[in-house]
Amino acid sequence: DAFDNDDVTVLQILGSQIGVALENARLFQETRQRYEAMVALHETSLDMIGHLDMPQLLEALLGRGTQLLRARAGILFLNNPVNQTIDVVASYNAWRNWRGAILKVDEGVPGYVIQTGKPIIVNDYAHWPNKPQAFAGSPDGCVVAAPLTWREQTIGAIDIFNSEPDPKPFDDNDLWLLGLFADLATIAIKNAELHTQVKEFSRGLEDKVEQRTRELEKAKEEIIRMTVE
């Protein structure tokens, strides 16, 4: 029962058909994942509209971004050009609450992302040579990060983590999804900043109107007093 050239031909045809089927299945899976991602991003954008208070917004953003990537934790960083630092402004489900922590401008994954304006995947974070000393005890094994870019300036970074003992590595699809999410997050942050500025302006305007009203009332009382005298 030795094989012959006809068997080779049949096997080649079968192999080609299986290859096409596998590629079609891969493309279908990738298309479905991207469709689900776009639906989730749409829901995220709608959810962001209702959050204009900055602390509440940042926590909501980070939680949604982590869930979109089916990851464990996330940290949101904003660039502080005045102090030449990178400030942690939100921390979601991390092994400790990093909110308020400060990094150097060139430190760690956020330092790379903010300085270069490029996303990055580090799937061996435990042994990554540029891991910040502050994160030395971190159980996170895989990190994906994307810049927050506004008018061609990188204003911050968002890091998403998966942790030991068996962290799911990130891939290009995660990088693509996080990049889209980062764009939405940047717009939401800027909207919240504008909302805060408008509130502060309105409050200042109300104070000035109130002060001016008191001055007019005082002047009116003075005129009445002088008229009576």
C-alpha atoms as a PDB file:
ATOM      1  CA  ASP A   1       0.000   0.000   0.000  1.00  0.00           C
ATOM      2  CA  ALA A   2       2.757   2.457  -0.852  1.00  0.00           C
ATOM      3  CA  PHE A   3       1.812   6.065  -1.705  1.00  0.00           C
ATOM      4  CA  ASP A   4       2.230   7.262  -5.266  1.00  0.00           C
ATOM      5  CA  ASN A   5       2.185  10.572  -7.137  1.00  0.00           C
ATOM      6  CA  ASP A   6      -1.629  10.565  -7.320  1.00  0.00           C
ATOM      7  CA  ASP A   7      -1.751  10.517  -3.525  1.00  0.00           C
ATOM      8  CA  VAL A   8       0.643  13.467  -3.421  1.00  0.00           C
ATOM      9  CA  THR A   9      -1.575  15.394  -5.843  1.00  0.00           C
ATOM     10  CA  VAL A  10      -4.699  14.660  -3.807  1.00  0.00           C
ATOM     11  CA  LEU A  11      -2.925  15.684  -0.618  1.00  0.00           C
ATOM     12  CA  GLN A  12      -1.716  18.928  -2.197  1.00  0.00           C
ATOM     13  CA  ILE A  13      -5.262  19.794  -3.298  1.00  0.00           C
ATOM     14  CA  LEU A  14      -6.610  18.915   0.144  1.00  0.00           C
ATOM     15  CA  GLY A  15      -3.863  20.976   1.811  1.00  0.00           C
ATOM     16  CA  SER A  16      -4.701  23.994  -0.339  1.00  0.00           C
ATOM     17  CA  GLN A  17      -8.401  23.701   0.492  1.00  0.00           C
ATOM     18  CA  ILE A  18      -7.666  23.381   4.215  1.00  0.00           C
ATOM     19  CA  GLY A  19      -5.341  26.387   3.999  1.00  0.00           C
ATOM     20  CA  VAL A  20      -8.078  28.490   2.368  1.00  0.00           C
ATOM     21  CA  ALA A  21     -10.599  27.327   4.985  1.00  0.00           C
ATOM     22  CA  LEU A  22      -8.253  28.212   7.833  1.00  0.00           C
ATOM     23  CA  GLU A  23      -7.542  31.645   6.369  1.00  0.00           C
ATOM     24  CA  ASN A  24     -11.259  32.299   5.872  1.00  0.00           C
ATOM     25  CA  ALA A  25     -11.910  31.286   9.482  1.00  0.00           C
ATOM     26  CA  ARG A  26      -9.125  33.577  10.686  1.00  0.00           C
ATOM     27  CA  LEU A  27     -10.462  36.510   8.669  1.00  0.00           C
ATOM     28  CA  PHE A  28     -13.990  35.862   9.914  1.00  0.00           C
ATOM     29  CA  GLN A  29     -12.791  35.772  13.523  1.00  0.00           C
ATOM     30  CA  GLU A  30     -10.762  38.952  13.059  1.00  0.00           C
ATOM     31  CA  THR A  31     -13.691  40.737  11.384  1.00  0.00           C
ATOM     32  CA  ARG A  32     -16.056  39.676  14.170  1.00  0.00           C
ATOM     33  CA  GLN A  33     -13.613  40.861  16.836  1.00  0.00           C
ATOM     34  CA  ARG A  34     -13.245  44.226  15.145  1.00  0.00           C
ATOM     35  CA  TYR A  35     -17.005  44.579  14.751  1.00  0.00           C
ATOM     36  CA  GLU A  36     -17.469  43.827  18.452  1.00  0.00           C
ATOM     37  CA  ALA A  37     -14.705  46.312  19.231  1.00  0.00           C
ATOM     38  CA  MET A  38     -16.389  49.054  17.181  1.00  0.00           C
ATOM     39  CA  VAL A  39     -19.709  48.405  18.944  1.00  0.00           C
ATOM     40  CA  ALA A  40     -17.948  48.605  22.308  1.00  0.00           C
ATOM     41  CA  LEU A  41     -16.199  51.823  21.291  1.00  0.00           C
ATOM     42  CA  HIS A  42     -19.526  53.324  20.232  1.00  0.00           C
ATOM     43  CA  GLU A  43     -21.022  52.430  23.600  1.00  0.00           C
ATOM     44  CA  THR A  44     -17.945  53.896  25.266  1.00  0.00           C
ATOM     45  CA  SER A  45     -18.328  57.191  23.406  1.00  0.00           C
ATOM     46  CA  LEU A  46     -21.967  57.411  24.504  1.00  0.00           C
ATOM     47  CA  ASP A  47     -20.983  56.630  28.087  1.00  0.00           C
ATOM     48  CA  MET A  48     -18.331  59.344  28.045  1.00  0.00           C
ATOM     49  CA  ILE A  49     -20.887  62.018  27.164  1.00  0.00           C
ATOM     50  CA  GLY A  50     -22.457  61.670  30.600  1.00  0.00           C
ATOM     51  CA  HIS A  51     -19.174  62.115  32.495  1.00  0.00           C
ATOM     52  CA  LEU A  52     -17.901  65.694  32.659  1.00  0.00           C
ATOM     53  CA  ASP A  53     -16.549  65.701  36.198  1.00  0.00           C
ATOM     54  CA  MET A  54     -12.817  65.048  35.711  1.00  0.00           C
ATOM     55  CA  PRO A  55     -12.032  62.518  38.516  1.00  0.00           C
ATOM     56  CA  GLN A  56     -15.187  60.525  37.772  1.00  0.00           C
ATOM     57  CA  LEU A  57     -14.454  60.676  34.041  1.00  0.00           C
ATOM     58  CA  LEU A  58     -10.882  59.404  34.359  1.00  0.00           C
ATOM     59  CA  GLU A  59     -11.893  56.423  36.479  1.00  0.00           C
ATOM     60  CA  ALA A  60     -14.731  55.579  34.070  1.00  0.00           C
ATOM     61  CA  LEU A  61     -12.407  55.875  31.057  1.00  0.00           C
ATOM     62  CA  LEU A  62      -9.773  53.619  32.527  1.00  0.00           C
ATOM     63  CA  GLY A  63     -12.252  50.978  33.611  1.00  0.00           C
ATOM     64  CA  ARG A  64     -13.918  50.884  30.201  1.00  0.00           C
ATOM     65  CA  GLY A  65     -10.586  50.721  28.367  1.00  0.00           C
ATOM     66  CA  THR A  66      -9.411  47.804  30.507  1.00  0.00           C
ATOM     67  CA  GLN A  67     -12.671  45.940  29.914  1.00  0.00           C
ATOM     68  CA  LEU A  68     -12.514  46.531  26.153  1.00  0.00           C
ATOM     69  CA  LEU A  69      -9.170  44.746  25.993  1.00  0.00           C
ATOM     70  CA  ARG A  70     -10.376  42.005  28.385  1.00  0.00           C
ATOM     71  CA  ALA A  71      -7.417  42.848  30.582  1.00  0.00           C
ATOM     72  CA  ARG A  72      -6.926  43.054  34.344  1.00  0.00           C
ATOM     73  CA  ALA A  73      -5.798  46.594  35.173  1.00  0.00           C
ATOM     74  CA  GLY A  74      -5.014  50.012  33.789  1.00  0.00           C
ATOM     75  CA  ILE A  75      -3.232  53.259  34.645  1.00  0.00           C
ATOM     76  CA  LEU A  76      -3.786  56.678  33.089  1.00  0.00           C
ATOM     77  CA  PHE A  77      -0.915  59.161  32.909  1.00  0.00           C
ATOM     78  CA  LEU A  78      -0.912  62.854  32.005  1.00  0.00           C
ATOM     79  CA  ASN A  79       2.158  64.809  30.995  1.00  0.00           C
ATOM     80  CA  ASN A  80       3.024  67.681  33.339  1.00  0.00           C
ATOM     81  CA  PRO A  81       5.316  69.979  31.323  1.00  0.00           C
ATOM     82  CA  VAL A  82       5.468  72.564  34.108  1.00  0.00           C
ATOM     83  CA  ASN A  83       7.014  70.146  36.612  1.00  0.00           C
ATOM     84  CA  GLN A  84       8.706  68.024  33.938  1.00  0.00           C
ATOM     85  CA  THR A  85       6.979  64.905  35.265  1.00  0.00           C
ATOM     86  CA  ILE A  86       4.437  62.280  34.289  1.00  0.00           C
ATOM     87  CA  ASP A  87       1.571  62.179  36.791  1.00  0.00           C
ATOM     88  CA  VAL A  88      -0.671  59.194  37.489  1.00  0.00           C
ATOM     89  CA  VAL A  89      -4.210  60.592  37.426  1.00  0.00           C
ATOM     90  CA  ALA A  90      -6.209  57.355  37.526  1.00  0.00           C
ATOM     91  CA  SER A  91      -5.625  53.741  38.530  1.00  0.00           C
ATOM     92  CA  TYR A  92      -8.043  50.880  37.863  1.00  0.00           C
ATOM     93  CA  ASN A  93      -7.806  47.454  39.543  1.00  0.00           C
ATOM     94  CA  ALA A  94      -4.002  47.674  39.793  1.00  0.00           C
ATOM     95  CA  TRP A  95      -2.124  45.728  42.486  1.00  0.00           C
ATOM     96  CA  ARG A  96      -1.970  49.047  44.362  1.00  0.00           C
ATOM     97  CA  ASN A  97      -3.616  52.418  43.851  1.00  0.00           C
ATOM     98  CA  TRP A  98      -1.108  54.422  41.829  1.00  0.00           C
ATOM     99  CA  ARG A  99      -3.134  57.623  41.708  1.00  0.00           C
ATOM    100  CA  GLY A 100      -0.907  60.533  42.707  1.00  0.00           C
ATOM    101  CA  ALA A 101       2.341  58.734  41.833  1.00  0.00           C
ATOM    102  CA  ILE A 102       4.907  60.702  39.810  1.00  0.00           C
ATOM    103  CA  LEU A 103       7.372  59.445  37.207  1.00  0.00           C
ATOM    104  CA  LYS A 104      10.217  61.146  35.394  1.00  0.00           C
ATOM    105  CA  VAL A 105       9.488  62.331  31.864  1.00  0.00           C
ATOM    106  CA  ASP A 106      11.533  59.498  30.341  1.00  0.00           C
ATOM    107  CA  GLU A 107      10.629  56.776  32.810  1.00  0.00           C
ATOM    108  CA  GLY A 108       8.971  53.465  32.010  1.00  0.00           C
ATOM    109  CA  VAL A 109       6.377  52.618  29.382  1.00  0.00           C
ATOM    110  CA  PRO A 110       4.491  55.943  29.707  1.00  0.00           C
ATOM    111  CA  GLY A 111       7.782  57.831  29.371  1.00  0.00           C
ATOM    112  CA  TYR A 112       8.538  56.017  26.107  1.00  0.00           C
ATOM    113  CA  VAL A 113       5.027  56.573  24.768  1.00  0.00           C
ATOM    114  CA  ILE A 114       4.889  60.276  25.676  1.00  0.00           C
ATOM    115  CA  GLN A 115       8.382  61.023  24.359  1.00  0.00           C
ATOM    116  CA  THR A 116       7.974  59.135  21.074  1.00  0.00           C
ATOM    117  CA  GLY A 117       4.233  59.533  20.544  1.00  0.00           C
ATOM    118  CA  LYS A 118       4.141  55.833  19.600  1.00  0.00           C
ATOM    119  CA  PRO A 119       2.244  52.869  21.107  1.00  0.00           C
ATOM    120  CA  ILE A 120       4.150  49.910  22.499  1.00  0.00           C
ATOM    121  CA  ILE A 121       3.633  46.287  23.552  1.00  0.00           C
ATOM    122  CA  VAL A 122       5.819  44.760  26.267  1.00  0.00           C
ATOM    123  CA  ASN A 123       4.890  41.111  26.758  1.00  0.00           C
ATOM    124  CA  ASP A 124       7.813  40.416  29.114  1.00  0.00           C
ATOM    125  CA  TYR A 125       7.305  43.359  31.445  1.00  0.00           C
ATOM    126  CA  ALA A 126       8.864  41.555  34.424  1.00  0.00           C
ATOM    127  CA  HIS A 127      12.256  41.600  32.687  1.00  0.00           C
ATOM    128  CA  TRP A 128      11.863  44.802  30.681  1.00  0.00           C
ATOM    129  CA  PRO A 129      15.056  46.829  31.318  1.00  0.00           C
ATOM    130  CA  ASN A 130      13.260  50.206  31.453  1.00  0.00           C
ATOM    131  CA  LYS A 131      10.706  49.167  34.085  1.00  0.00           C
ATOM    132  CA  PRO A 132      10.465  51.953  36.706  1.00  0.00           C
ATOM    133  CA  GLN A 133      11.879  51.221  40.142  1.00  0.00           C
ATOM    134  CA  ALA A 134       8.536  52.213  41.667  1.00  0.00           C
ATOM    135  CA  PHE A 135       6.922  49.292  39.776  1.00  0.00           C
ATOM    136  CA  ALA A 136       9.601  46.776  40.785  1.00  0.00           C
ATOM    137  CA  GLY A 137       7.185  44.620  42.771  1.00  0.00           C
ATOM    138  CA  SER A 138       4.479  44.652  40.143  1.00  0.00           C
ATOM    139  CA  PRO A 139       2.963  41.242  39.245  1.00  0.00           C
ATOM    140  CA  ASP A 140       2.067  42.528  35.774  1.00  0.00           C
ATOM    141  CA  GLY A 141       3.617  40.451  33.034  1.00  0.00           C
ATOM    142  CA  CYS A 142       2.239  42.088  29.886  1.00  0.00           C
ATOM    143  CA  VAL A 143       1.660  45.751  29.054  1.00  0.00           C
ATOM    144  CA  VAL A 144       0.169  47.561  26.081  1.00  0.00           C
ATOM    145  CA  ALA A 145       0.233  51.357  25.976  1.00  0.00           C
ATOM    146  CA  ALA A 146      -0.973  54.097  23.639  1.00  0.00           C
ATOM    147  CA  PRO A 147      -0.440  57.870  23.579  1.00  0.00           C
ATOM    148  CA  LEU A 148      -3.137  60.449  24.272  1.00  0.00           C
ATOM    149  CA  THR A 149      -2.615  62.910  21.432  1.00  0.00           C
ATOM    150  CA  TRP A 150      -4.220  66.331  21.086  1.00  0.00           C
ATOM    151  CA  ARG A 151      -3.397  68.679  18.196  1.00  0.00           C
ATOM    152  CA  GLU A 152      -0.184  66.824  17.400  1.00  0.00           C
ATOM    153  CA  GLN A 153       0.979  66.939  21.014  1.00  0.00           C
ATOM    154  CA  THR A 154       1.160  63.904  23.296  1.00  0.00           C
ATOM    155  CA  ILE A 155      -0.592  64.930  26.502  1.00  0.00           C
ATOM    156  CA  GLY A 156      -0.460  61.562  28.254  1.00  0.00           C
ATOM    157  CA  ALA A 157      -0.582  57.786  27.967  1.00  0.00           C
ATOM    158  CA  ILE A 158      -2.844  54.900  28.880  1.00  0.00           C
ATOM    159  CA  ASP A 159      -1.298  51.600  30.027  1.00  0.00           C
ATOM    160  CA  ILE A 160      -3.279  48.346  30.157  1.00  0.00           C
ATOM    161  CA  PHE A 161      -1.899  45.342  32.078  1.00  0.00           C
ATOM    162  CA  ASN A 162      -2.279  41.591  32.356  1.00  0.00           C
ATOM    163  CA  SER A 163      -0.685  39.980  35.393  1.00  0.00           C
ATOM    164  CA  GLU A 164       1.095  36.810  36.460  1.00  0.00           C
ATOM    165  CA  PRO A 165       1.056  33.864  36.813  1.00  0.00           C
ATOM    166  CA  ASP A 166      -0.277  33.347  33.296  1.00  0.00           C
ATOM    167  CA  PRO A 167      -0.768  36.752  31.660  1.00  0.00           C
ATOM    168  CA  LYS A 168      -2.451  36.898  28.272  1.00  0.00           C
ATOM    169  CA  PRO A 169       0.010  38.521  25.845  1.00  0.00           C
ATOM    170  CA  PHE A 170      -1.157  41.523  23.869  1.00  0.00           C
ATOM    171  CA  ASP A 171      -1.084  41.621  20.075  1.00  0.00           C
ATOM    172  CA  ASP A 172      -1.552  44.068  17.193  1.00  0.00           C
ATOM    173  CA  ASN A 173      -5.347  43.864  17.475  1.00  0.00           C
ATOM    174  CA  ASP A 174      -5.091  45.051  21.088  1.00  0.00           C
ATOM    175  CA  LEU A 175      -2.790  47.844  19.960  1.00  0.00           C
ATOM    176  CA  TRP A 176      -5.267  48.877  17.261  1.00  0.00           C
ATOM    177  CA  LEU A 177      -8.190  48.862  19.681  1.00  0.00           C
ATOM    178  CA  LEU A 178      -6.328  50.760  22.397  1.00  0.00           C
ATOM    179  CA  GLY A 179      -5.269  53.382  19.856  1.00  0.00           C
ATOM    180  CA  LEU A 180      -8.901  54.043  18.914  1.00  0.00           C
ATOM    181  CA  PHE A 181      -9.904  54.124  22.556  1.00  0.00           C
ATOM    182  CA  ALA A 182      -7.074  56.529  23.394  1.00  0.00           C
ATOM    183  CA  ASP A 183      -8.386  58.962  20.754  1.00  0.00           C
ATOM    184  CA  LEU A 184     -11.844  58.864  22.348  1.00  0.00           C
ATOM    185  CA  ALA A 185     -10.348  59.255  25.803  1.00  0.00           C
ATOM    186  CA  THR A 186      -8.358  62.319  24.725  1.00  0.00           C
ATOM    187  CA  ILE A 187     -11.470  64.019  23.350  1.00  0.00           C
ATOM    188  CA  ALA A 188     -13.387  63.205  26.525  1.00  0.00           C
ATOM    189  CA  ILE A 189     -10.610  64.600  28.725  1.00  0.00           C
ATOM    190  CA  LYS A 190     -10.461  67.824  26.722  1.00  0.00           C
ATOM    191  CA  ASN A 191     -14.256  68.161  26.887  1.00  0.00           C
ATOM    192  CA  ALA A 192     -14.111  67.723  30.651  1.00  0.00           C
ATOM    193  CA  GLU A 193     -11.352  70.339  30.907  1.00  0.00           C
ATOM    194  CA  LEU A 194     -13.455  72.751  28.854  1.00  0.00           C
ATOM    195  CA  HIS A 195     -16.475  72.017  31.050  1.00  0.00           C
ATOM    196  CA  THR A 196     -14.392  72.779  34.156  1.00  0.00           C
ATOM    197  CA  GLN A 197     -13.134  76.031  32.635  1.00  0.00           C
ATOM    198  CA  VAL A 198     -16.678  77.097  31.742  1.00  0.00           C
ATOM    199  CA  LYS A 199     -17.853  76.326  35.287  1.00  0.00           C
ATOM    200  CA  GLU A 200     -14.991  78.333  36.777  1.00  0.00           C
ATOM    201  CA  PHE A 201     -15.668  81.231  34.398  1.00  0.00           C
ATOM    202  CA  SER A 202     -19.371  81.161  35.240  1.00  0.00           C
ATOM    203  CA  ARG A 203     -18.598  81.071  38.953  1.00  0.00           C
ATOM    204  CA  GLY A 204     -16.223  84.011  38.573  1.00  0.00           C
ATOM    205  CA  LEU A 205     -18.787  85.923  36.546  1.00  0.00           C
ATOM    206  CA  GLU A 206     -21.464  85.285  39.191  1.00  0.00           C
ATOM    207  CA  ASP A 207     -19.114  86.556  41.907  1.00  0.00           C
ATOM    208  CA  LYS A 208     -18.438  89.716  39.928  1.00  0.00           C
ATOM    209  CA  VAL A 209     -22.159  90.295  39.306  1.00  0.00           C
ATOM    210  CA  GLU A 210     -22.886  89.769  42.981  1.00  0.00           C
ATOM    211  CA  GLN A 211     -20.132  92.178  43.984  1.00  0.00           C
ATOM    212  CA  ARG A 212     -21.307  94.770  41.479  1.00  0.00           C
ATOM    213  CA  THR A 213     -24.884  94.406  42.753  1.00  0.00           C
ATOM    214  CA  ARG A 214     -23.731  95.055  46.309  1.00  0.00           C
ATOM    215  CA  GLU A 215     -21.816  98.119  45.159  1.00  0.00           C
ATOM    216  CA  LEU A 216     -24.879  99.472  43.333  1.00  0.00           C
ATOM    217  CA  GLU A 217     -27.106  98.846  46.362  1.00  0.00           C
ATOM    218  CA  LYS A 218     -24.618 100.647  48.571  1.00  0.00           C
ATOM    219  CA  ALA A 219     -24.424 103.578  46.149  1.00  0.00           C
ATOM    220  CA  LYS A 220     -28.225 103.708  45.983  1.00  0.00           C
ATOM    221  CA  GLU A 221     -28.488 103.798  49.770  1.00  0.00           C
ATOM    222  CA  GLU A 222     -25.884 106.566  49.877  1.00  0.00           C
ATOM    223  CA  ILE A 223     -27.826 108.656  47.348  1.00  0.00           C
ATOM    224  CA  ILE A 224     -31.050 108.191  49.330  1.00  0.00           C
ATOM    225  CA  ARG A 225     -29.258 109.187  52.550  1.00  0.00           C
ATOM    226  CA  MET A 226     -27.825 112.312  50.943  1.00  0.00           C
ATOM    227  CA  THR A 227     -31.233 113.252  49.495  1.00  0.00           C
ATOM    228  CA  VAL A 228     -32.910 112.931  52.889  1.00  0.00           C
ATOM    229  CA  GLU A 229     -30.271 115.047  54.572  1.00  0.00           C
END
